[in-house]
Amino acid sequence: MPVASRARRPKPSGARRPARRGETGARVLRQFRQVFNAVKTHFQQVEKRAGVGGAQAWALSIVQAQPGIGMNELARAMDVHQSTASNLVKGLVERRMLRVERSDTDRRAVRLHLLAPGTTVLRKAPTPFTGVLPEALAALDESTLQRLYEDLGALLQVLHADRRAARTPLADL
């Protein structure tokens, strides 16, 4: 008994063949490289033009927008750990870009104020101060963000990634 064969259908003109798993992985890896290079390029421009790191410029911009902000509020605004915000502020205070004002009632509580050198730095620094990735993510619609969140979550599980690293600004990597 002869074996029935399937007739091959011609591919529509302009149709691409489906990518093999390894090819798709390589394409995704190239996309990650593009994302990280865009972020890296932005932070290098900040450093070159303003003389401070991207996370420091971001912290300065928050203090400029919210004079008298506290350390915990700054950490929340940047979505970083309080100790990370404290280290950023320490460097900016040492460079006389920020002034720390201690509370009369609670000596641990501080209020941050921008000084003239900090203002000068912000005038020189390219925007967005938050970095290009948060700005790009803010431009995406909710369903795209949700898909990214879920898909990157799956990738992070495979990587066994440290959740604490999520609170480290990209400029510090």
C-alpha atoms as a PDB file:
ATOM      1  CA  MET A   1       0.000   0.000   0.000  1.00  0.00           C
ATOM      2  CA  PRO A   2       1.523   3.334  -1.045  1.00  0.00           C
ATOM      3  CA  VAL A   3       2.162   5.962   1.636  1.00  0.00           C
ATOM      4  CA  ALA A   4       0.228   9.158   1.123  1.00  0.00           C
ATOM      5  CA  SER A   5       2.455  12.190   0.861  1.00  0.00           C
ATOM      6  CA  ARG A   6       1.519  15.714   1.746  1.00  0.00           C
ATOM      7  CA  ALA A   7       1.736  18.226  -0.974  1.00  0.00           C
ATOM      8  CA  ARG A   8       3.998  21.116  -0.116  1.00  0.00           C
ATOM      9  CA  ARG A   9       2.289  24.446  -0.171  1.00  0.00           C
ATOM     10  CA  PRO A  10       4.323  27.280  -1.557  1.00  0.00           C
ATOM     11  CA  LYS A  11       5.192  29.999   0.935  1.00  0.00           C
ATOM     12  CA  PRO A  12       3.504  33.305   0.292  1.00  0.00           C
ATOM     13  CA  SER A  13       5.876  35.790  -1.262  1.00  0.00           C
ATOM     14  CA  GLY A  14       7.623  37.886   1.354  1.00  0.00           C
ATOM     15  CA  ALA A  15       6.890  35.347   4.123  1.00  0.00           C
ATOM     16  CA  ARG A  16       9.722  34.589   6.474  1.00  0.00           C
ATOM     17  CA  ARG A  17      10.413  31.094   7.589  1.00  0.00           C
ATOM     18  CA  PRO A  18       9.850  30.540  11.292  1.00  0.00           C
ATOM     19  CA  ALA A  19      13.013  31.053  13.305  1.00  0.00           C
ATOM     20  CA  ARG A  20      14.542  28.044  14.994  1.00  0.00           C
ATOM     21  CA  ARG A  21      14.809  28.164  18.793  1.00  0.00           C
ATOM     22  CA  GLY A  22      18.538  29.015  18.754  1.00  0.00           C
ATOM     23  CA  GLU A  23      17.997  31.776  16.214  1.00  0.00           C
ATOM     24  CA  THR A  24      15.205  33.284  18.283  1.00  0.00           C
ATOM     25  CA  GLY A  25      17.393  33.171  21.388  1.00  0.00           C
ATOM     26  CA  ALA A  26      20.164  34.977  19.506  1.00  0.00           C
ATOM     27  CA  ARG A  27      17.721  37.635  18.279  1.00  0.00           C
ATOM     28  CA  VAL A  28      16.420  38.203  21.817  1.00  0.00           C
ATOM     29  CA  LEU A  29      19.991  38.396  23.125  1.00  0.00           C
ATOM     30  CA  ARG A  30      20.760  41.073  20.518  1.00  0.00           C
ATOM     31  CA  GLN A  31      17.687  43.004  21.680  1.00  0.00           C
ATOM     32  CA  PHE A  32      18.907  42.874  25.293  1.00  0.00           C
ATOM     33  CA  ARG A  33      22.284  44.149  24.118  1.00  0.00           C
ATOM     34  CA  GLN A  34      20.569  47.039  22.339  1.00  0.00           C
ATOM     35  CA  VAL A  35      18.605  47.925  25.477  1.00  0.00           C
ATOM     36  CA  PHE A  36      21.645  47.815  27.736  1.00  0.00           C
ATOM     37  CA  ASN A  37      23.783  49.729  25.249  1.00  0.00           C
ATOM     38  CA  ALA A  38      21.138  52.468  25.024  1.00  0.00           C
ATOM     39  CA  VAL A  39      21.084  52.718  28.826  1.00  0.00           C
ATOM     40  CA  LYS A  40      24.889  52.638  29.030  1.00  0.00           C
ATOM     41  CA  THR A  41      25.252  55.306  26.332  1.00  0.00           C
ATOM     42  CA  HIS A  42      22.832  57.617  28.143  1.00  0.00           C
ATOM     43  CA  PHE A  43      24.644  57.252  31.461  1.00  0.00           C
ATOM     44  CA  GLN A  44      28.007  57.798  29.758  1.00  0.00           C
ATOM     45  CA  GLN A  45      26.636  61.026  28.274  1.00  0.00           C
ATOM     46  CA  VAL A  46      25.455  62.128  31.730  1.00  0.00           C
ATOM     47  CA  GLU A  47      28.893  61.410  33.187  1.00  0.00           C
ATOM     48  CA  LYS A  48      30.694  63.161  30.318  1.00  0.00           C
ATOM     49  CA  ARG A  49      28.525  66.292  30.273  1.00  0.00           C
ATOM     50  CA  ALA A  50      27.663  66.702  33.946  1.00  0.00           C
ATOM     51  CA  GLY A  51      30.519  65.000  35.756  1.00  0.00           C
ATOM     52  CA  VAL A  52      28.255  62.837  37.926  1.00  0.00           C
ATOM     53  CA  GLY A  53      26.766  59.395  37.530  1.00  0.00           C
ATOM     54  CA  GLY A  54      23.262  58.913  36.192  1.00  0.00           C
ATOM     55  CA  ALA A  55      21.841  57.867  39.561  1.00  0.00           C
ATOM     56  CA  GLN A  56      23.373  60.963  41.169  1.00  0.00           C
ATOM     57  CA  ALA A  57      21.846  63.235  38.517  1.00  0.00           C
ATOM     58  CA  TRP A  58      18.496  61.558  39.096  1.00  0.00           C
ATOM     59  CA  ALA A  59      18.782  62.098  42.869  1.00  0.00           C
ATOM     60  CA  LEU A  60      19.686  65.759  42.319  1.00  0.00           C
ATOM     61  CA  SER A  61      16.673  66.222  40.052  1.00  0.00           C
ATOM     62  CA  ILE A  62      14.334  64.773  42.676  1.00  0.00           C
ATOM     63  CA  VAL A  63      15.727  67.063  45.368  1.00  0.00           C
ATOM     64  CA  GLN A  64      15.378  70.007  42.977  1.00  0.00           C
ATOM     65  CA  ALA A  65      11.730  69.119  42.358  1.00  0.00           C
ATOM     66  CA  GLN A  66      11.030  68.446  46.065  1.00  0.00           C
ATOM     67  CA  PRO A  67      13.194  70.724  48.235  1.00  0.00           C
ATOM     68  CA  GLY A  68      13.450  69.417  51.781  1.00  0.00           C
ATOM     69  CA  ILE A  69      12.727  65.809  50.792  1.00  0.00           C
ATOM     70  CA  GLY A  70      13.806  63.218  53.346  1.00  0.00           C
ATOM     71  CA  MET A  71      16.119  60.287  52.725  1.00  0.00           C
ATOM     72  CA  ASN A  72      13.336  57.680  52.891  1.00  0.00           C
ATOM     73  CA  GLU A  73      11.199  59.685  50.464  1.00  0.00           C
ATOM     74  CA  LEU A  74      14.164  59.983  48.085  1.00  0.00           C
ATOM     75  CA  ALA A  75      14.706  56.218  48.249  1.00  0.00           C
ATOM     76  CA  ARG A  76      11.010  55.636  47.482  1.00  0.00           C
ATOM     77  CA  ALA A  77      11.051  58.126  44.595  1.00  0.00           C
ATOM     78  CA  MET A  78      14.029  56.310  43.063  1.00  0.00           C
ATOM     79  CA  ASP A  79      12.709  52.856  44.016  1.00  0.00           C
ATOM     80  CA  VAL A  80      16.001  51.970  45.694  1.00  0.00           C
ATOM     81  CA  HIS A  81      16.952  50.772  49.146  1.00  0.00           C
ATOM     82  CA  GLN A  82      17.412  53.509  51.741  1.00  0.00           C
ATOM     83  CA  SER A  83      21.118  52.661  52.097  1.00  0.00           C
ATOM     84  CA  THR A  84      21.594  53.129  48.342  1.00  0.00           C
ATOM     85  CA  ALA A  85      19.965  56.562  48.520  1.00  0.00           C
ATOM     86  CA  SER A  86      22.092  57.408  51.535  1.00  0.00           C
ATOM     87  CA  ASN A  87      25.289  56.493  49.665  1.00  0.00           C
ATOM     88  CA  LEU A  88      24.235  58.605  46.673  1.00  0.00           C
ATOM     89  CA  VAL A  89      23.513  61.565  48.942  1.00  0.00           C
ATOM     90  CA  LYS A  90      26.796  61.136  50.824  1.00  0.00           C
ATOM     91  CA  GLY A  91      28.784  61.571  47.604  1.00  0.00           C
ATOM     92  CA  LEU A  92      26.717  64.586  46.561  1.00  0.00           C
ATOM     93  CA  VAL A  93      27.132  66.229  49.969  1.00  0.00           C
ATOM     94  CA  GLU A  94      30.897  65.652  49.823  1.00  0.00           C
ATOM     95  CA  ARG A  95      30.949  67.366  46.415  1.00  0.00           C
ATOM     96  CA  ARG A  96      28.867  70.227  47.863  1.00  0.00           C
ATOM     97  CA  MET A  97      25.936  69.683  45.513  1.00  0.00           C
ATOM     98  CA  LEU A  98      23.469  68.908  48.295  1.00  0.00           C
ATOM     99  CA  ARG A  99      23.015  70.232  51.798  1.00  0.00           C
ATOM    100  CA  VAL A 100      21.696  68.015  54.573  1.00  0.00           C
ATOM    101  CA  GLU A 101      19.592  69.667  57.254  1.00  0.00           C
ATOM    102  CA  ARG A 102      19.028  67.650  60.419  1.00  0.00           C
ATOM    103  CA  SER A 103      15.712  67.762  62.230  1.00  0.00           C
ATOM    104  CA  ASP A 104      15.691  69.461  65.631  1.00  0.00           C
ATOM    105  CA  THR A 105      13.383  66.788  67.046  1.00  0.00           C
ATOM    106  CA  ASP A 106      14.909  63.655  65.479  1.00  0.00           C
ATOM    107  CA  ARG A 107      18.623  63.889  64.656  1.00  0.00           C
ATOM    108  CA  ARG A 108      18.344  60.841  62.380  1.00  0.00           C
ATOM    109  CA  ALA A 109      15.820  62.563  60.110  1.00  0.00           C
ATOM    110  CA  VAL A 110      17.284  64.786  57.419  1.00  0.00           C
ATOM    111  CA  ARG A 111      15.980  67.188  54.807  1.00  0.00           C
ATOM    112  CA  LEU A 112      17.845  67.546  51.530  1.00  0.00           C
ATOM    113  CA  HIS A 113      18.410  70.797  49.670  1.00  0.00           C
ATOM    114  CA  LEU A 114      20.040  71.438  46.317  1.00  0.00           C
ATOM    115  CA  LEU A 115      23.052  73.761  46.282  1.00  0.00           C
ATOM    116  CA  ALA A 116      24.273  75.893  43.366  1.00  0.00           C
ATOM    117  CA  PRO A 117      26.823  73.322  42.100  1.00  0.00           C
ATOM    118  CA  GLY A 118      24.007  70.734  41.988  1.00  0.00           C
ATOM    119  CA  THR A 119      21.876  73.101  39.935  1.00  0.00           C
ATOM    120  CA  THR A 120      24.804  73.631  37.545  1.00  0.00           C
ATOM    121  CA  VAL A 121      25.196  69.874  37.150  1.00  0.00           C
ATOM    122  CA  LEU A 122      21.500  69.488  36.291  1.00  0.00           C
ATOM    123  CA  ARG A 123      21.762  72.212  33.640  1.00  0.00           C
ATOM    124  CA  LYS A 124      24.601  70.280  31.981  1.00  0.00           C
ATOM    125  CA  ALA A 125      23.114  66.780  32.297  1.00  0.00           C
ATOM    126  CA  PRO A 126      21.133  65.307  29.409  1.00  0.00           C
ATOM    127  CA  THR A 127      17.566  64.313  30.156  1.00  0.00           C
ATOM    128  CA  PRO A 128      15.712  62.256  31.117  1.00  0.00           C
ATOM    129  CA  PHE A 129      17.253  62.325  34.572  1.00  0.00           C
ATOM    130  CA  THR A 130      15.545  59.043  35.445  1.00  0.00           C
ATOM    131  CA  GLY A 131      17.351  57.385  32.549  1.00  0.00           C
ATOM    132  CA  VAL A 132      16.173  56.309  29.125  1.00  0.00           C
ATOM    133  CA  LEU A 133      14.771  52.930  30.175  1.00  0.00           C
ATOM    134  CA  PRO A 134      12.212  54.185  32.728  1.00  0.00           C
ATOM    135  CA  GLU A 135      11.212  56.856  30.216  1.00  0.00           C
ATOM    136  CA  ALA A 136      10.759  54.264  27.453  1.00  0.00           C
ATOM    137  CA  LEU A 137       8.777  51.940  29.742  1.00  0.00           C
ATOM    138  CA  ALA A 138       6.489  54.827  30.703  1.00  0.00           C
ATOM    139  CA  ALA A 139       5.720  55.311  27.006  1.00  0.00           C
ATOM    140  CA  LEU A 140       4.457  51.722  26.579  1.00  0.00           C
ATOM    141  CA  ASP A 141       0.818  50.736  26.951  1.00  0.00           C
ATOM    142  CA  GLU A 142      -0.340  48.684  29.932  1.00  0.00           C
ATOM    143  CA  SER A 143      -0.816  45.394  28.052  1.00  0.00           C
ATOM    144  CA  THR A 144       2.718  45.569  26.629  1.00  0.00           C
ATOM    145  CA  LEU A 145       4.111  46.296  30.087  1.00  0.00           C
ATOM    146  CA  GLN A 146       2.179  43.369  31.546  1.00  0.00           C
ATOM    147  CA  ARG A 147       3.548  40.978  28.884  1.00  0.00           C
ATOM    148  CA  LEU A 148       7.087  42.256  29.505  1.00  0.00           C
ATOM    149  CA  TYR A 149       6.625  41.816  33.256  1.00  0.00           C
ATOM    150  CA  GLU A 150       5.442  38.231  32.892  1.00  0.00           C
ATOM    151  CA  ASP A 151       8.004  37.229  30.269  1.00  0.00           C
ATOM    152  CA  LEU A 152      10.919  38.813  32.108  1.00  0.00           C
ATOM    153  CA  GLY A 153       9.673  37.150  35.297  1.00  0.00           C
ATOM    154  CA  ALA A 154       9.974  33.764  33.578  1.00  0.00           C
ATOM    155  CA  LEU A 155      13.509  34.638  32.434  1.00  0.00           C
ATOM    156  CA  LEU A 156      14.491  35.747  35.943  1.00  0.00           C
ATOM    157  CA  GLN A 157      13.271  32.426  37.355  1.00  0.00           C
ATOM    158  CA  VAL A 158      15.449  30.493  34.917  1.00  0.00           C
ATOM    159  CA  LEU A 159      18.390  32.736  35.855  1.00  0.00           C
ATOM    160  CA  HIS A 160      17.750  32.265  39.591  1.00  0.00           C
ATOM    161  CA  ALA A 161      18.292  36.023  39.786  1.00  0.00           C
ATOM    162  CA  ASP A 162      18.794  37.736  43.121  1.00  0.00           C
ATOM    163  CA  ARG A 163      15.648  39.759  43.877  1.00  0.00           C
ATOM    164  CA  ARG A 164      17.706  42.304  45.843  1.00  0.00           C
ATOM    165  CA  ALA A 165      19.394  43.386  42.603  1.00  0.00           C
ATOM    166  CA  ALA A 166      16.057  44.817  41.478  1.00  0.00           C
ATOM    167  CA  ARG A 167      16.625  47.761  43.809  1.00  0.00           C
ATOM    168  CA  THR A 168      20.028  48.701  42.320  1.00  0.00           C
ATOM    169  CA  PRO A 169      19.911  51.598  39.835  1.00  0.00           C
ATOM    170  CA  LEU A 170      21.141  50.644  36.371  1.00  0.00           C
ATOM    171  CA  ALA A 171      23.644  53.497  36.506  1.00  0.00           C
ATOM    172  CA  ASP A 172      25.417  51.646  39.313  1.00  0.00           C
ATOM    173  CA  LEU A 173      25.874  48.411  37.356  1.00  0.00           C
END
